[in-house]
Amino acid sequence: MTTPPTAGPAGPVLGYMTLGADDLPAAVAFYDAVLATLGMTQLYAFEGWTGYGREGDAQGQTLWVCKPFDGQAARAGNGVMLGFYAATPEVVDAFYAAAMAHGGADEGAPGLRPQYGEGWYAAYVRDPQGNKLACVRTPPA
């Protein structure tokens, strides 16, 4: 895939994502910094839950960070990764830098990934809970 998918007639198919966190304050500090590089901010916050998105984007997706419903420890999924599209390679770089500065772990520094397609520029990190995240800039169509 060389361009981000577009929404269908009814809008985006993916409505929200939820990630569990045992240390919610650490997770919120991480996501406040990392998602700000993508123009996302806290839109919702209530006991045990924080929701991120783009202000005024009625079609946008939301990322929720919370303690798991079942009261068990949060666990990162093996083989699960959330990918975020970036407008420029510089946004990918900023995403990675914010992640590293706020408790994230390196899973692949920013750079070209020709194995995924021409112009595929990406960075891979893990949040403080161990969830894997990608930030990708694909070339314009």
Protein backbone atom coordinates (compact mmCIF):
# COMPACT_ATOMS: atom_id res chain seq x y z
CA MET A 1 0.00 0.00 0.00
CA THR A 2 1.45 3.36 -0.93
CA THR A 3 -1.29 5.74 0.22
CA PRO A 4 -3.47 5.81 3.33
CA PRO A 5 -6.90 4.25 2.82
CA THR A 6 -9.79 6.64 2.36
CA ALA A 7 -13.13 6.57 4.12
CA GLY A 8 -16.09 4.92 2.47
CA PRO A 9 -19.42 6.64 1.88
CA ALA A 10 -20.35 6.25 5.55
CA GLY A 11 -16.98 7.53 6.81
CA PRO A 12 -14.02 5.64 8.22
CA VAL A 13 -14.50 1.98 8.99
CA LEU A 14 -12.33 1.99 12.11
CA GLY A 15 -14.05 4.03 14.83
CA TYR A 16 -11.83 3.68 17.89
CA MET A 17 -8.95 1.74 19.41
CA THR A 18 -8.45 0.93 23.09
CA LEU A 19 -5.14 0.19 24.78
CA GLY A 20 -4.83 -1.03 28.34
CA ALA A 21 -2.41 0.59 30.77
CA ASP A 22 -1.49 -0.38 34.32
CA ASP A 23 0.15 2.99 35.04
CA LEU A 24 -2.40 5.41 33.61
CA PRO A 25 -0.51 8.62 34.52
CA ALA A 26 2.61 7.35 32.70
CA ALA A 27 0.52 6.27 29.71
CA VAL A 28 -1.26 9.64 29.55
CA ALA A 29 2.07 11.53 29.71
CA PHE A 30 3.40 9.32 26.89
CA TYR A 31 0.35 9.67 24.64
CA ASP A 32 -0.08 13.41 25.34
CA ALA A 33 3.42 13.97 23.91
CA VAL A 34 3.44 11.39 21.13
CA LEU A 35 -0.03 12.04 19.72
CA ALA A 36 0.50 15.82 19.80
CA THR A 37 3.03 15.30 16.99
CA LEU A 38 0.10 14.04 14.88
CA GLY A 39 -2.28 16.85 15.83
CA MET A 40 -4.20 14.70 18.31
CA THR A 41 -5.10 15.89 21.80
CA GLN A 42 -7.04 14.68 24.81
CA LEU A 43 -10.70 15.05 23.89
CA TYR A 44 -12.13 13.08 26.79
CA ALA A 45 -10.91 12.33 30.29
CA PHE A 46 -12.82 10.69 33.09
CA GLU A 47 -11.97 8.27 35.87
CA GLY A 48 -9.65 5.66 34.47
CA TRP A 49 -10.13 6.68 30.81
CA THR A 50 -8.46 9.15 28.45
CA GLY A 51 -9.58 9.57 24.82
CA TYR A 52 -7.50 11.18 22.07
CA GLY A 53 -8.48 12.51 18.67
CA ARG A 54 -8.46 15.58 16.47
CA GLU A 55 -10.63 18.45 17.68
CA GLY A 56 -13.52 19.10 15.33
CA ASP A 57 -12.90 15.97 13.25
CA ALA A 58 -16.35 14.34 13.29
CA GLN A 59 -15.10 11.51 11.04
CA GLY A 60 -11.90 10.93 12.99
CA GLN A 61 -10.93 7.93 15.01
CA THR A 62 -10.39 7.96 18.76
CA LEU A 63 -7.66 6.24 20.76
CA TRP A 64 -8.69 5.34 24.31
CA VAL A 65 -6.16 4.53 27.05
CA CYS A 66 -7.55 2.90 30.18
CA LYS A 67 -7.18 0.20 32.79
CA PRO A 68 -8.59 -3.11 31.50
CA PHE A 69 -12.28 -3.75 32.21
CA ASP A 70 -11.62 -7.15 33.75
CA GLY A 71 -9.30 -5.73 36.43
CA GLN A 72 -6.44 -7.92 35.26
CA ALA A 73 -3.00 -6.60 34.30
CA ALA A 74 -2.77 -4.90 30.91
CA ARG A 75 -0.75 -6.89 28.38
CA ALA A 76 0.62 -5.90 25.01
CA GLY A 77 -0.72 -8.13 22.26
CA ASN A 78 1.81 -10.29 20.45
CA GLY A 79 1.47 -9.39 16.78
CA VAL A 80 -0.68 -6.32 17.49
CA MET A 81 0.52 -2.91 16.26
CA LEU A 82 -1.26 0.41 15.85
CA GLY A 83 -0.11 2.42 12.84
CA PHE A 84 -0.50 6.18 12.53
CA TYR A 85 -0.08 8.08 9.26
CA ALA A 86 2.12 11.18 9.27
CA ALA A 87 1.97 14.14 6.89
CA THR A 88 5.75 14.36 6.47
CA PRO A 89 8.91 12.44 7.39
CA GLU A 90 9.61 15.21 9.93
CA VAL A 91 6.39 14.29 11.75
CA VAL A 92 7.61 10.67 11.90
CA ASP A 93 10.88 11.93 13.40
CA ALA A 94 8.99 14.05 15.98
CA PHE A 95 6.71 11.12 16.89
CA TYR A 96 9.76 8.91 17.51
CA ALA A 97 11.61 11.60 19.51
CA ALA A 98 8.55 12.24 21.70
CA ALA A 99 8.16 8.51 22.33
CA MET A 100 11.81 8.13 23.34
CA ALA A 101 11.61 11.19 25.63
CA HIS A 102 8.47 9.91 27.40
CA GLY A 103 9.29 6.34 28.36
CA GLY A 104 8.93 4.61 24.99
CA ALA A 105 11.24 1.88 23.71
CA ASP A 106 12.86 1.76 20.28
CA GLU A 107 11.57 -0.86 17.83
CA GLY A 108 13.03 0.78 14.72
CA ALA A 109 14.41 4.30 14.35
CA PRO A 110 12.95 6.63 11.70
CA GLY A 111 14.06 5.85 8.19
CA LEU A 112 13.15 4.51 4.79
CA ARG A 113 11.78 0.96 4.65
CA PRO A 114 12.10 0.05 0.95
CA GLN A 115 10.93 -3.50 1.69
CA TYR A 116 7.43 -2.03 2.31
CA GLY A 117 7.33 0.14 -0.79
CA GLU A 118 9.07 3.05 -2.45
CA GLY A 119 9.17 6.11 -0.19
CA TRP A 120 7.86 4.25 2.89
CA TYR A 121 9.33 6.24 5.81
CA ALA A 122 8.53 4.90 9.26
CA ALA A 123 9.47 4.61 12.92
CA TYR A 124 8.46 1.88 15.36
CA VAL A 125 8.21 2.21 19.15
CA ARG A 126 6.66 0.58 22.18
CA ASP A 127 4.72 2.59 24.73
CA PRO A 128 5.50 2.23 28.46
CA GLN A 129 3.04 -0.71 28.68
CA GLY A 130 4.72 -2.51 25.76
CA ASN A 131 2.17 -1.82 23.01
CA LYS A 132 3.79 -1.52 19.59
CA LEU A 133 3.14 1.64 17.58
CA ALA A 134 4.18 2.69 14.09
CA CYS A 135 4.28 6.14 12.53
CA VAL A 136 4.43 6.08 8.73
CA ARG A 137 4.73 8.58 5.92
CA THR A 138 3.91 7.11 2.56
CA PRO A 139 4.56 8.99 -0.68
CA PRO A 140 1.69 10.94 -2.22
CA ALA A 141 -0.32 9.02 -4.82
